[in-house]
Amino acid sequence: MNKDFSDLIRILSIPGVGPRKSLDLITAFGSLEKVFSADFRQLTQISGIKEKTAQSILLPPDEDLIAGQYQLTEKFEVEIIPIWDDAYPDSLKQIYDPPIALFCRGNIELLKQRSVAIVGTRTPTRYGKETAVDFAQGLVKSGYAVVSGGAKGIDTYVHTACLRSNGPTIVVLGNGIDRVYPAENRTLYDEIGNQGLLVSEFLMGSKPDAPNFPRRNRIISGLSLGTLVIEAAERSGSLITAYFALDQNREVFAVPGAINSRQSRGTNGLIRQGAKLVESVDDILSELGDKFQLGQSGGQQELSIGLDAKEQEVYEKIKGDEAIQIDDLAVETDQTTFSLLSILLQLEMKGLVQQLPGKYFKRRA
């Protein structure tokens, strides 16, 4: 175990220091080692680092935690890829809050392969299952890796189809890479660990807690050139992945479904509000093409989904013409930046909120 490993585990375990703040600290001081060598005054001069957070950074490292993490990474053959490593995917570096490190089990070369995300409901219809298999197989045969979240339903059908086609697939987890969630996917995860790639930003042993999944979703979309949604209810987590894709200037595709199907209300809504309707893999390939580059807008229409109580609460916290930074808004609304971002994206796509550089938000005039 080297000091780089210890410093990574240390920064990842500090309460209140998420990906964005970690990146700001590393940028300000030049390295993690220098972050932990800084004094209280130097730390509190960094934007977003309050006194309580600075005090947490200055605490001695938890040697038992670090040793336990090392043992688990060895046991499960997990490699940690920090953001400054050459193996870290360029696509993730371009998003606002890239993970400081990726815990990886499997073929890390897939991090650099061009990929498309496929997400959808946990309770798919027969139509959804068949569609997921067709698109997954078509994409891997066309040279793409397929990214999804390893959940029940569409995700599982997607990953399984890739494996059966001997194609590359990436699972992005909302828990530690040593845990299997859902439990029935243990065999699938083992196969992917041998043939594809399992990825997580969470410490080994982390439980699949609800706040983890929006964080996971932004990695799914961030790794991919575009996100395809197959069957999603009106308030599906898959729609959050689509919002992240839009925020990251990636393409959003949706498969149309029956108008009387609950599982298709979300996808049909995405299409109605500007996502590209796709009926075959060729529709995706023609849209991406060689001309597509990360960081450039695909020129899609803005999406908009109905205002709910949470959106109204956040909207009211954004005063008049004053811009507010997302970290400050998170404090005012008592929410995590990840859950808050999904709400802000919905407000933005509805045309009520405007995003400014540095993740500042203001009401749209």
Protein backbone atom coordinates (compact mmCIF):
# COMPACT_ATOMS: atom_id res chain seq x y z
CA MET A 1 0.00 0.00 0.00
CA ASN A 2 1.44 3.39 -1.03
CA LYS A 3 0.75 6.93 0.13
CA ASP A 4 -1.24 7.75 -3.03
CA PHE A 5 -3.69 4.98 -2.11
CA SER A 6 -3.93 6.23 1.48
CA ASP A 7 -4.54 9.82 0.40
CA LEU A 8 -7.27 8.76 -2.05
CA ILE A 9 -9.14 6.74 0.56
CA ARG A 10 -8.72 9.60 3.00
CA ILE A 11 -10.24 12.26 0.71
CA LEU A 12 -13.06 9.93 -0.36
CA SER A 13 -14.06 9.30 3.25
CA ILE A 14 -14.27 12.92 4.46
CA PRO A 15 -17.87 14.05 5.09
CA GLY A 16 -18.86 17.08 3.06
CA VAL A 17 -16.05 16.72 0.54
CA GLY A 18 -17.62 15.39 -2.65
CA PRO A 19 -16.15 15.14 -6.15
CA ARG A 20 -16.38 18.85 -6.96
CA LYS A 21 -14.79 20.04 -3.73
CA SER A 22 -12.10 17.36 -3.98
CA LEU A 23 -11.25 18.53 -7.48
CA ASP A 24 -11.17 22.17 -6.35
CA LEU A 25 -8.79 21.26 -3.52
CA ILE A 26 -6.46 19.28 -5.78
CA THR A 27 -6.48 22.08 -8.35
CA ALA A 28 -5.71 24.71 -5.71
CA PHE A 29 -2.88 22.86 -3.96
CA GLY A 30 -1.52 20.78 -6.84
CA SER A 31 -1.83 17.33 -5.29
CA LEU A 32 -3.64 15.37 -2.59
CA GLU A 33 -0.44 15.23 -0.56
CA LYS A 34 -0.32 19.04 -0.49
CA VAL A 35 -4.03 19.21 0.42
CA PHE A 36 -3.31 17.20 3.55
CA SER A 37 -0.24 19.31 4.30
CA ALA A 38 -2.22 22.57 4.18
CA ASP A 39 -3.19 24.44 7.34
CA PHE A 40 -6.61 25.57 8.47
CA ARG A 41 -6.28 29.09 7.04
CA GLN A 42 -5.18 27.84 3.62
CA LEU A 43 -8.04 25.35 3.45
CA THR A 44 -10.76 27.83 4.36
CA GLN A 45 -9.58 30.15 1.60
CA ILE A 46 -10.80 27.61 -0.95
CA SER A 47 -14.33 28.36 -2.20
CA GLY A 48 -16.87 26.03 -0.60
CA ILE A 49 -14.55 24.81 2.18
CA LYS A 50 -16.20 25.86 5.43
CA GLU A 51 -14.60 25.65 8.87
CA LYS A 52 -16.20 22.30 9.71
CA THR A 53 -14.99 20.77 6.46
CA ALA A 54 -11.47 22.13 6.98
CA GLN A 55 -11.40 20.61 10.44
CA SER A 56 -12.40 17.24 8.98
CA ILE A 57 -9.60 17.44 6.41
CA LEU A 58 -7.07 18.14 9.18
CA LEU A 59 -8.05 15.07 11.22
CA PRO A 60 -5.48 12.25 11.29
CA PRO A 61 -6.09 9.52 8.69
CA ASP A 62 -8.20 6.55 9.74
CA GLU A 63 -5.55 3.85 9.40
CA ASP A 64 -8.02 1.03 10.07
CA LEU A 65 -10.31 2.26 7.28
CA ILE A 66 -7.41 2.59 4.85
CA ALA A 67 -6.08 -0.89 5.69
CA GLY A 68 -9.58 -2.36 5.32
CA GLN A 69 -10.03 -0.72 1.91
CA TYR A 70 -6.67 -2.06 0.76
CA GLN A 71 -7.56 -5.60 1.84
CA LEU A 72 -10.90 -5.47 0.02
CA THR A 73 -9.41 -4.11 -3.21
CA GLU A 74 -6.86 -6.94 -3.12
CA LYS A 75 -9.48 -9.58 -2.37
CA PHE A 76 -11.83 -8.49 -5.17
CA GLU A 77 -9.04 -7.62 -7.64
CA VAL A 78 -10.14 -4.01 -7.84
CA GLU A 79 -7.98 -1.35 -9.44
CA ILE A 80 -8.39 2.29 -8.44
CA ILE A 81 -8.03 4.78 -11.29
CA PRO A 82 -7.55 8.37 -10.02
CA ILE A 83 -8.53 11.30 -12.22
CA TRP A 84 -4.89 12.13 -13.01
CA ASP A 85 -4.18 8.60 -14.30
CA ASP A 86 -3.82 8.08 -18.06
CA ALA A 87 -6.41 5.29 -17.87
CA TYR A 88 -9.09 7.69 -16.56
CA PRO A 89 -11.67 8.34 -19.32
CA ASP A 90 -11.47 11.74 -21.00
CA SER A 91 -15.26 11.78 -21.33
CA LEU A 92 -15.69 11.90 -17.55
CA LYS A 93 -13.11 14.64 -17.12
CA GLN A 94 -15.39 16.91 -19.15
CA ILE A 95 -18.36 16.82 -16.77
CA TYR A 96 -18.84 19.33 -13.95
CA ASP A 97 -18.25 16.91 -11.06
CA PRO A 98 -16.09 14.00 -12.26
CA PRO A 99 -15.33 11.26 -9.74
CA ILE A 100 -11.90 11.76 -8.18
CA ALA A 101 -11.28 8.04 -8.53
CA LEU A 102 -12.94 5.02 -10.13
CA PHE A 103 -12.92 1.61 -8.46
CA CYS A 104 -12.70 -0.85 -11.35
CA ARG A 105 -12.98 -4.61 -11.68
CA GLY A 106 -12.42 -6.05 -15.13
CA ASN A 107 -11.09 -4.65 -18.38
CA ILE A 108 -10.17 -1.01 -17.69
CA GLU A 109 -9.41 -0.47 -21.38
CA LEU A 110 -13.17 -0.21 -21.86
CA LEU A 111 -13.03 3.18 -20.12
CA LYS A 112 -11.50 4.55 -23.31
CA GLN A 113 -13.82 2.78 -25.75
CA ARG A 114 -16.62 4.74 -27.40
CA SER A 115 -19.85 3.82 -25.69
CA VAL A 116 -23.59 4.36 -25.51
CA ALA A 117 -25.70 4.10 -22.35
CA ILE A 118 -28.97 2.17 -22.29
CA VAL A 119 -31.27 2.65 -19.31
CA GLY A 120 -34.88 1.92 -18.50
CA THR A 121 -37.50 0.62 -16.13
CA ARG A 122 -37.01 -2.14 -13.58
CA THR A 123 -40.36 -3.61 -14.65
CA PRO A 124 -40.19 -3.86 -18.44
CA THR A 125 -42.86 -5.30 -20.68
CA ARG A 126 -42.03 -8.02 -23.19
CA TYR A 127 -41.66 -5.26 -25.78
CA GLY A 128 -39.14 -3.46 -23.57
CA LYS A 129 -37.10 -6.62 -22.96
CA GLU A 130 -36.91 -7.49 -26.64
CA THR A 131 -36.05 -3.91 -27.60
CA ALA A 132 -33.29 -3.73 -25.00
CA VAL A 133 -31.71 -6.93 -26.32
CA ASP A 134 -31.93 -5.78 -29.95
CA PHE A 135 -30.31 -2.41 -29.31
CA ALA A 136 -27.60 -3.79 -27.03
CA GLN A 137 -26.62 -6.46 -29.55
CA GLY A 138 -26.71 -3.99 -32.42
CA LEU A 139 -24.48 -1.48 -30.63
CA VAL A 140 -21.79 -3.96 -29.60
CA LYS A 141 -21.74 -5.43 -33.11
CA SER A 142 -21.17 -1.87 -34.36
CA GLY A 143 -18.12 -1.48 -32.13
CA TYR A 144 -19.63 0.32 -29.14
CA ALA A 145 -19.43 -0.64 -25.49
CA VAL A 146 -22.81 -0.47 -23.76
CA VAL A 147 -23.08 1.22 -20.35
CA SER A 148 -25.87 0.66 -17.85
CA GLY A 149 -26.52 0.47 -14.11
CA GLY A 150 -26.74 -3.25 -13.41
CA ALA A 151 -30.25 -2.93 -11.94
CA LYS A 152 -33.24 -5.21 -12.41
CA GLY A 153 -35.19 -4.96 -15.63
CA ILE A 154 -33.83 -3.20 -18.70
CA ASP A 155 -30.29 -2.90 -17.29
CA THR A 156 -30.03 -6.65 -16.72
CA TYR A 157 -31.34 -7.50 -20.19
CA VAL A 158 -28.87 -5.05 -21.73
CA HIS A 159 -25.82 -6.43 -19.95
CA THR A 160 -26.84 -10.03 -20.58
CA ALA A 161 -27.35 -9.38 -24.30
CA CYS A 162 -23.88 -7.85 -24.56
CA LEU A 163 -22.29 -10.85 -22.87
CA ARG A 164 -24.16 -13.32 -25.08
CA SER A 165 -22.90 -11.40 -28.12
CA ASN A 166 -19.33 -11.43 -26.74
CA GLY A 167 -19.52 -7.66 -26.67
CA PRO A 168 -18.15 -5.11 -24.18
CA THR A 169 -20.38 -3.81 -21.41
CA ILE A 170 -19.83 -1.55 -18.42
CA VAL A 171 -21.84 -1.63 -15.18
CA VAL A 172 -21.79 1.56 -13.10
CA LEU A 173 -22.70 0.77 -9.51
CA GLY A 174 -24.38 2.85 -6.80
CA ASN A 175 -22.54 0.95 -4.07
CA GLY A 176 -19.14 -0.52 -3.30
CA ILE A 177 -17.81 -2.75 -6.04
CA ASP A 178 -17.59 -5.68 -3.61
CA ARG A 179 -21.35 -5.64 -3.04
CA VAL A 180 -23.93 -7.12 -5.38
CA TYR A 181 -27.19 -5.22 -5.80
CA PRO A 182 -29.61 -6.65 -6.67
CA ALA A 183 -28.47 -9.92 -5.10
CA GLU A 184 -29.83 -12.05 -7.95
CA ASN A 185 -27.31 -10.47 -10.33
CA ARG A 186 -24.27 -12.05 -8.64
CA THR A 187 -23.59 -14.45 -11.50
CA LEU A 188 -24.08 -11.64 -14.03
CA TYR A 189 -21.63 -9.39 -12.18
CA ASP A 190 -19.05 -12.19 -12.06
CA GLU A 191 -19.36 -12.65 -15.82
CA ILE A 192 -19.01 -8.91 -16.41
CA GLY A 193 -15.96 -8.80 -14.14
CA ASN A 194 -14.35 -11.37 -16.46
CA GLN A 195 -15.58 -10.08 -19.82
CA GLY A 196 -16.54 -6.44 -19.25
CA LEU A 197 -16.05 -3.84 -16.54
CA LEU A 198 -17.60 -3.00 -13.17
CA VAL A 199 -17.15 0.63 -12.08
CA SER A 200 -17.96 2.53 -8.88
CA GLU A 201 -16.89 5.80 -7.29
CA PHE A 202 -17.86 4.57 -3.83
CA LEU A 203 -15.58 3.10 -1.20
CA MET A 204 -15.48 -0.65 -0.87
CA GLY A 205 -18.29 -1.88 1.35
CA SER A 206 -20.58 1.08 0.61
CA LYS A 207 -24.27 0.16 0.73
CA PRO A 208 -26.68 0.86 -2.16
CA ASP A 209 -28.26 3.85 -0.41
CA ALA A 210 -30.81 5.95 -2.32
CA PRO A 211 -28.67 9.16 -2.60
CA ASN A 212 -25.97 7.14 -4.38
CA PHE A 213 -28.02 6.49 -7.50
CA PRO A 214 -28.24 10.04 -8.91
CA ARG A 215 -24.45 10.15 -8.49
CA ARG A 216 -24.16 6.87 -10.35
CA ASN A 217 -26.45 8.13 -13.12
CA ARG A 218 -24.21 11.06 -13.99
CA ILE A 219 -21.33 8.61 -14.50
CA ILE A 220 -23.45 6.40 -16.77
CA SER A 221 -24.23 9.36 -19.02
CA GLY A 222 -20.77 10.89 -18.60
CA LEU A 223 -19.01 7.80 -19.92
CA SER A 224 -21.22 7.71 -23.00
CA LEU A 225 -21.63 9.57 -26.26
CA GLY A 226 -25.38 9.31 -25.84
CA THR A 227 -28.05 7.80 -23.60
CA LEU A 228 -30.89 5.62 -24.88
CA VAL A 229 -34.00 5.33 -22.71
CA ILE A 230 -36.14 2.21 -23.19
CA GLU A 231 -39.40 2.21 -21.21
CA ALA A 232 -39.54 4.63 -18.28
CA ALA A 233 -42.37 5.85 -16.10
CA GLU A 234 -43.05 9.56 -15.72
CA ARG A 235 -40.81 9.90 -12.63
CA SER A 236 -38.29 7.22 -13.48
CA GLY A 237 -34.66 7.42 -12.42
CA SER A 238 -33.85 6.78 -16.06
CA LEU A 239 -35.11 10.28 -16.83
CA ILE A 240 -32.55 11.67 -14.39
CA THR A 241 -29.85 9.96 -16.43
CA ALA A 242 -31.29 11.64 -19.53
CA TYR A 243 -31.15 15.04 -17.80
CA PHE A 244 -27.53 14.47 -16.85
CA ALA A 245 -26.77 13.55 -20.46
CA LEU A 246 -28.27 16.84 -21.63
CA ASP A 247 -26.34 18.79 -19.00
CA GLN A 248 -23.16 17.11 -20.24
CA ASN A 249 -23.96 17.97 -23.88
CA ARG A 250 -24.52 14.36 -24.84
CA GLU A 251 -27.29 12.97 -27.03
CA VAL A 252 -30.57 11.63 -25.65
CA PHE A 253 -32.47 8.93 -27.52
CA ALA A 254 -35.80 7.33 -26.66
CA VAL A 255 -37.73 4.35 -27.97
CA PRO A 256 -41.45 5.08 -28.46
CA GLY A 257 -43.99 2.90 -26.71
CA ALA A 258 -47.71 2.27 -26.55
CA ILE A 259 -49.72 5.29 -25.40
CA ASN A 260 -51.62 3.18 -22.85
CA SER A 261 -48.47 1.68 -21.30
CA ARG A 262 -47.35 3.07 -17.93
CA GLN A 263 -43.77 2.05 -18.74
CA SER A 264 -43.76 4.22 -21.87
CA ARG A 265 -45.05 7.49 -20.45
CA GLY A 266 -41.59 8.73 -19.63
CA THR A 267 -40.03 7.78 -22.97
CA ASN A 268 -42.94 9.15 -24.98
CA GLY A 269 -42.68 12.34 -22.94
CA LEU A 270 -38.98 12.64 -23.72
CA ILE A 271 -39.73 12.33 -27.43
CA ARG A 272 -42.51 14.89 -27.23
CA GLN A 273 -40.12 17.31 -25.55
CA GLY A 274 -37.23 16.91 -27.96
CA ALA A 275 -35.33 13.64 -27.48
CA LYS A 276 -34.53 11.81 -30.71
CA LEU A 277 -37.01 9.05 -31.52
CA VAL A 278 -35.15 5.88 -32.51
CA GLU A 279 -36.51 2.70 -34.03
CA SER A 280 -33.23 0.94 -34.81
CA VAL A 281 -29.53 1.01 -33.99
CA ASP A 282 -28.95 2.73 -37.33
CA ASP A 283 -30.86 5.76 -36.02
CA ILE A 284 -28.33 6.08 -33.19
CA LEU A 285 -25.30 5.45 -35.39
CA SER A 286 -26.36 8.05 -37.93
CA GLU A 287 -26.92 10.63 -35.20
CA LEU A 288 -23.56 10.06 -33.51
CA GLY A 289 -21.43 9.54 -36.60
CA ASP A 290 -17.83 10.64 -36.88
CA LYS A 291 -18.86 14.28 -36.68
CA PHE A 292 -20.01 13.95 -33.08
CA GLN A 293 -17.54 15.21 -30.49
CA LEU A 294 -17.88 15.32 -26.74
CA GLY A 295 -18.41 18.76 -25.33
CA GLN A 296 -20.44 19.95 -28.31
CA SER A 297 -24.19 20.31 -28.15
CA GLY A 298 -26.17 17.91 -30.26
CA GLY A 299 -28.66 20.64 -31.03
CA GLN A 300 -31.62 18.89 -29.48
CA GLN A 301 -34.65 20.75 -28.30
CA GLU A 302 -34.95 21.51 -24.62
CA LEU A 303 -36.80 18.93 -22.55
CA SER A 304 -39.43 19.89 -20.06
CA ILE A 305 -41.32 17.80 -17.54
CA GLY A 306 -44.03 19.00 -15.17
CA LEU A 307 -43.27 21.08 -12.07
CA ASP A 308 -43.70 19.30 -8.74
CA ALA A 309 -43.45 20.41 -5.10
CA LYS A 310 -39.68 19.88 -4.86
CA GLU A 311 -39.07 21.85 -8.04
CA GLN A 312 -41.27 24.66 -6.76
CA GLU A 313 -39.35 24.77 -3.47
CA VAL A 314 -35.99 25.03 -5.24
CA TYR A 315 -37.29 27.59 -7.73
CA GLU A 316 -38.43 29.84 -4.90
CA LYS A 317 -34.94 29.78 -3.38
CA ILE A 318 -33.51 31.34 -6.54
CA LYS A 319 -34.19 35.03 -5.99
CA GLY A 320 -35.02 37.36 -8.86
CA ASP A 321 -32.00 38.13 -11.05
CA GLU A 322 -29.47 36.95 -8.46
CA ALA A 323 -27.37 33.92 -9.44
CA ILE A 324 -26.69 31.30 -6.77
CA GLN A 325 -24.03 28.59 -6.81
CA ILE A 326 -25.26 25.01 -6.51
CA ASP A 327 -23.30 24.33 -3.30
CA ASP A 328 -24.90 27.34 -1.61
CA LEU A 329 -28.32 26.34 -2.90
CA ALA A 330 -27.78 22.86 -1.48
CA VAL A 331 -27.21 24.38 1.96
CA GLU A 332 -30.34 26.53 1.71
CA THR A 333 -32.53 23.63 0.60
CA ASP A 334 -30.88 21.03 2.86
CA GLN A 335 -30.27 18.68 -0.08
CA THR A 336 -27.24 17.03 -1.61
CA THR A 337 -25.85 18.67 -4.73
CA PHE A 338 -26.59 15.49 -6.68
CA SER A 339 -30.30 15.36 -5.85
CA LEU A 340 -30.48 19.12 -6.29
CA LEU A 341 -28.86 18.99 -9.71
CA SER A 342 -31.55 16.71 -11.10
CA ILE A 343 -34.21 19.18 -9.93
CA LEU A 344 -32.32 22.15 -11.37
CA LEU A 345 -31.94 20.37 -14.68
CA GLN A 346 -35.69 19.83 -14.84
CA LEU A 347 -36.27 23.51 -14.10
CA GLU A 348 -33.69 24.45 -16.71
CA MET A 349 -35.21 22.23 -19.38
CA LYS A 350 -38.61 23.72 -18.60
CA GLY A 351 -37.19 27.15 -19.31
CA LEU A 352 -37.56 28.53 -15.77
CA VAL A 353 -33.90 28.50 -14.77
CA GLN A 354 -30.71 29.43 -16.57
CA GLN A 355 -27.38 27.79 -15.81
CA LEU A 356 -24.25 29.96 -15.77
CA PRO A 357 -20.56 28.94 -15.76
CA GLY A 358 -19.36 27.42 -12.49
CA LYS A 359 -22.72 25.79 -11.79
CA TYR A 360 -24.42 29.07 -10.91
CA PHE A 361 -28.16 29.24 -11.52
CA LYS A 362 -30.55 32.15 -11.94
CA ARG A 363 -34.14 32.60 -12.97
CA ARG A 364 -34.58 32.89 -16.70
CA ALA A 365 -35.87 36.31 -17.71
